[in-house]
Amino acid sequence: MEKAAVTIRTRKFMRNPLLRRRQFVVEILHPGRACVTKNEAAERIAQMYNCDPQNVVLFGFRYAFGGGRTTGFGLIYDDMDSLLSIEPRYRVVRKGLAKAREGSRKQRKERKNRALRARGKVRAKILYA
């Protein structure tokens, strides 16, 4: 199946020197196509602004009723260090740059409470198992 033409435009573009990034609203026009992946859009935006696709973060996309148009928000960080320090952890995990926590919240709480009741070597075994 042949890919239909995709147009990517940015609006409300601004430079944010305090957070070491550029931020903008992304408008993707994709008539005759269901949607555009975030990775594909990030690569196209990185090409437009001469930067590394790893430093482009896209989120908050809304598909227009009737299809053909998607609007979202985009950030281009100056470097990877600023991305990792400023960006929320869930977005860093979503991008694949960090690992998600193991186990559910309930499991972590239960482990903590078991460790509170134990002492000595048993406690260390519970905490670091």
C-alpha atoms as a PDB file:
ATOM      1  CA  MET A   1       0.000   0.000   0.000  1.00  0.00           C
ATOM      2  CA  GLU A   2       1.362   3.391  -0.996  1.00  0.00           C
ATOM      3  CA  LYS A   3       1.739   6.105   1.650  1.00  0.00           C
ATOM      4  CA  ALA A   4      -0.297   9.247   0.988  1.00  0.00           C
ATOM      5  CA  ALA A   5       1.297  12.701   1.167  1.00  0.00           C
ATOM      6  CA  VAL A   6       1.754  14.099   4.664  1.00  0.00           C
ATOM      7  CA  THR A   7       2.228  17.801   5.445  1.00  0.00           C
ATOM      8  CA  ILE A   8       3.647  18.908   8.804  1.00  0.00           C
ATOM      9  CA  ARG A   9       3.329  22.539   9.910  1.00  0.00           C
ATOM     10  CA  THR A  10       4.354  24.214  13.145  1.00  0.00           C
ATOM     11  CA  ARG A  11       2.563  27.172  14.745  1.00  0.00           C
ATOM     12  CA  LYS A  12       3.181  29.309  17.834  1.00  0.00           C
ATOM     13  CA  PHE A  13       6.895  28.496  17.654  1.00  0.00           C
ATOM     14  CA  MET A  14       8.914  29.893  20.534  1.00  0.00           C
ATOM     15  CA  ARG A  15      12.366  29.498  22.026  1.00  0.00           C
ATOM     16  CA  ASN A  16      12.512  28.737  25.764  1.00  0.00           C
ATOM     17  CA  PRO A  17      16.107  29.328  26.917  1.00  0.00           C
ATOM     18  CA  LEU A  18      15.391  28.578  30.595  1.00  0.00           C
ATOM     19  CA  LEU A  19      14.281  25.029  29.774  1.00  0.00           C
ATOM     20  CA  ARG A  20      16.818  24.754  26.914  1.00  0.00           C
ATOM     21  CA  ARG A  21      14.205  23.875  24.295  1.00  0.00           C
ATOM     22  CA  ARG A  22      12.046  25.075  21.412  1.00  0.00           C
ATOM     23  CA  GLN A  23       8.312  24.537  21.748  1.00  0.00           C
ATOM     24  CA  PHE A  24       5.497  24.693  19.237  1.00  0.00           C
ATOM     25  CA  VAL A  25       2.096  23.418  18.149  1.00  0.00           C
ATOM     26  CA  VAL A  26       2.303  20.710  15.470  1.00  0.00           C
ATOM     27  CA  GLU A  27      -0.316  20.444  12.750  1.00  0.00           C
ATOM     28  CA  ILE A  28      -0.211  17.293  10.622  1.00  0.00           C
ATOM     29  CA  LEU A  29      -2.319  17.074   7.465  1.00  0.00           C
ATOM     30  CA  HIS A  30      -2.750  13.480   6.290  1.00  0.00           C
ATOM     31  CA  PRO A  31      -5.673  13.149   3.861  1.00  0.00           C
ATOM     32  CA  GLY A  32      -6.458   9.607   2.825  1.00  0.00           C
ATOM     33  CA  ARG A  33      -4.439   8.141   5.671  1.00  0.00           C
ATOM     34  CA  ALA A  34      -5.522   7.056   9.156  1.00  0.00           C
ATOM     35  CA  CYS A  35      -2.731   8.704  11.133  1.00  0.00           C
ATOM     36  CA  VAL A  36       1.001   9.429  11.255  1.00  0.00           C
ATOM     37  CA  THR A  37       3.176   7.751  13.886  1.00  0.00           C
ATOM     38  CA  LYS A  38       4.976   9.955  16.392  1.00  0.00           C
ATOM     39  CA  ASN A  39       8.323   8.511  15.310  1.00  0.00           C
ATOM     40  CA  GLU A  40       7.677   9.414  11.689  1.00  0.00           C
ATOM     41  CA  ALA A  41       6.536  12.919  12.641  1.00  0.00           C
ATOM     42  CA  ALA A  42       9.584  13.373  14.922  1.00  0.00           C
ATOM     43  CA  GLU A  43      11.927  12.404  12.086  1.00  0.00           C
ATOM     44  CA  ARG A  44      10.264  14.885   9.717  1.00  0.00           C
ATOM     45  CA  ILE A  45      10.386  17.698  12.330  1.00  0.00           C
ATOM     46  CA  ALA A  46      14.049  16.922  13.108  1.00  0.00           C
ATOM     47  CA  GLN A  47      14.774  17.199   9.385  1.00  0.00           C
ATOM     48  CA  MET A  48      12.931  20.553   9.234  1.00  0.00           C
ATOM     49  CA  TYR A  49      14.855  22.060  12.180  1.00  0.00           C
ATOM     50  CA  ASN A  50      18.239  20.336  11.656  1.00  0.00           C
ATOM     51  CA  CYS A  51      18.368  18.443  14.938  1.00  0.00           C
ATOM     52  CA  ASP A  52      18.559  14.899  16.255  1.00  0.00           C
ATOM     53  CA  PRO A  53      15.216  12.983  16.196  1.00  0.00           C
ATOM     54  CA  GLN A  54      16.008  11.698  19.735  1.00  0.00           C
ATOM     55  CA  ASN A  55      15.692  15.294  21.039  1.00  0.00           C
ATOM     56  CA  VAL A  56      12.183  15.775  19.584  1.00  0.00           C
ATOM     57  CA  VAL A  57       9.286  15.044  21.963  1.00  0.00           C
ATOM     58  CA  LEU A  58       5.714  14.984  20.612  1.00  0.00           C
ATOM     59  CA  PHE A  59       2.578  14.564  22.731  1.00  0.00           C
ATOM     60  CA  GLY A  60      -1.052  15.583  23.199  1.00  0.00           C
ATOM     61  CA  PHE A  61      -2.284  14.728  19.723  1.00  0.00           C
ATOM     62  CA  ARG A  62      -5.957  15.192  18.841  1.00  0.00           C
ATOM     63  CA  TYR A  63      -7.447  13.836  15.628  1.00  0.00           C
ATOM     64  CA  ALA A  64      -9.961  16.132  13.952  1.00  0.00           C
ATOM     65  CA  PHE A  65     -13.462  14.773  13.382  1.00  0.00           C
ATOM     66  CA  GLY A  66     -13.709  13.585   9.802  1.00  0.00           C
ATOM     67  CA  GLY A  67      -9.998  12.692   9.726  1.00  0.00           C
ATOM     68  CA  GLY A  68      -7.204  14.123   7.697  1.00  0.00           C
ATOM     69  CA  ARG A  69      -5.865  16.506  10.333  1.00  0.00           C
ATOM     70  CA  THR A  70      -4.065  16.014  13.647  1.00  0.00           C
ATOM     71  CA  THR A  71      -2.934  18.680  16.088  1.00  0.00           C
ATOM     72  CA  GLY A  72      -0.512  18.233  18.977  1.00  0.00           C
ATOM     73  CA  PHE A  73       2.356  19.766  20.894  1.00  0.00           C
ATOM     74  CA  GLY A  74       6.076  19.426  20.227  1.00  0.00           C
ATOM     75  CA  LEU A  75       9.347  20.152  22.003  1.00  0.00           C
ATOM     76  CA  ILE A  76      12.887  20.146  20.622  1.00  0.00           C
ATOM     77  CA  TYR A  77      15.499  19.999  23.374  1.00  0.00           C
ATOM     78  CA  ASP A  78      18.980  21.432  22.803  1.00  0.00           C
ATOM     79  CA  ASP A  79      20.661  18.253  24.054  1.00  0.00           C
ATOM     80  CA  MET A  80      19.873  14.868  25.561  1.00  0.00           C
ATOM     81  CA  ASP A  81      20.923  15.913  29.101  1.00  0.00           C
ATOM     82  CA  SER A  82      18.336  18.701  29.236  1.00  0.00           C
ATOM     83  CA  LEU A  83      15.673  16.332  27.862  1.00  0.00           C
ATOM     84  CA  LEU A  84      16.378  13.736  30.563  1.00  0.00           C
ATOM     85  CA  SER A  85      16.504  16.281  33.398  1.00  0.00           C
ATOM     86  CA  ILE A  86      13.479  18.438  32.444  1.00  0.00           C
ATOM     87  CA  GLU A  87      11.038  16.084  30.691  1.00  0.00           C
ATOM     88  CA  PRO A  88       8.588  14.127  32.923  1.00  0.00           C
ATOM     89  CA  ARG A  89       9.715  10.553  33.557  1.00  0.00           C
ATOM     90  CA  TYR A  90       6.667   8.938  31.938  1.00  0.00           C
ATOM     91  CA  ARG A  91       7.409  10.683  28.636  1.00  0.00           C
ATOM     92  CA  VAL A  92      11.075   9.650  28.799  1.00  0.00           C
ATOM     93  CA  VAL A  93       9.944   6.036  29.388  1.00  0.00           C
ATOM     94  CA  ARG A  94       7.402   6.317  26.568  1.00  0.00           C
ATOM     95  CA  LYS A  95      10.176   7.508  24.244  1.00  0.00           C
ATOM     96  CA  GLY A  96      12.289   4.489  25.210  1.00  0.00           C
ATOM     97  CA  LEU A  97      15.139   6.408  26.869  1.00  0.00           C
ATOM     98  CA  ALA A  98      14.513   4.963  30.364  1.00  0.00           C
ATOM     99  CA  LYS A  99      13.047   1.816  31.863  1.00  0.00           C
ATOM    100  CA  ALA A 100       9.655   1.708  33.555  1.00  0.00           C
ATOM    101  CA  ARG A 101       9.416   0.638  37.182  1.00  0.00           C
ATOM    102  CA  GLU A 102       8.994  -3.055  37.822  1.00  0.00           C
ATOM    103  CA  GLY A 103       5.800  -4.238  39.519  1.00  0.00           C
ATOM    104  CA  SER A 104       2.637  -2.394  40.355  1.00  0.00           C
ATOM    105  CA  ARG A 105       2.231   0.338  42.948  1.00  0.00           C
ATOM    106  CA  LYS A 106       0.431  -2.069  45.263  1.00  0.00           C
ATOM    107  CA  GLN A 107       3.318  -4.570  45.070  1.00  0.00           C
ATOM    108  CA  ARG A 108       5.847  -1.856  45.976  1.00  0.00           C
ATOM    109  CA  LYS A 109       3.743  -0.735  48.960  1.00  0.00           C
ATOM    110  CA  GLU A 110       3.288  -4.311  50.207  1.00  0.00           C
ATOM    111  CA  ARG A 111       7.018  -4.944  49.960  1.00  0.00           C
ATOM    112  CA  LYS A 112       7.738  -1.761  51.930  1.00  0.00           C
ATOM    113  CA  ASN A 113       5.289  -2.748  54.677  1.00  0.00           C
ATOM    114  CA  ARG A 114       6.712  -6.279  54.906  1.00  0.00           C
ATOM    115  CA  ALA A 115      10.171  -4.757  55.290  1.00  0.00           C
ATOM    116  CA  LEU A 116       8.948  -2.489  58.110  1.00  0.00           C
ATOM    117  CA  ARG A 117       7.855  -5.528  60.142  1.00  0.00           C
ATOM    118  CA  ALA A 118      11.106  -7.455  59.565  1.00  0.00           C
ATOM    119  CA  ARG A 119      14.546  -6.867  61.104  1.00  0.00           C
ATOM    120  CA  GLY A 120      18.150  -7.699  60.277  1.00  0.00           C
ATOM    121  CA  LYS A 121      19.046 -10.074  57.456  1.00  0.00           C
ATOM    122  CA  VAL A 122      15.396 -10.895  56.767  1.00  0.00           C
ATOM    123  CA  ARG A 123      14.685  -7.213  56.105  1.00  0.00           C
ATOM    124  CA  ALA A 124      17.637  -6.909  53.716  1.00  0.00           C
ATOM    125  CA  LYS A 125      16.433 -10.025  51.929  1.00  0.00           C
ATOM    126  CA  ILE A 126      12.943  -8.493  51.477  1.00  0.00           C
ATOM    127  CA  LEU A 127      14.223  -5.076  50.351  1.00  0.00           C
ATOM    128  CA  TYR A 128      16.910  -6.207  47.936  1.00  0.00           C
ATOM    129  CA  ALA A 129      15.440  -9.451  46.607  1.00  0.00           C
END
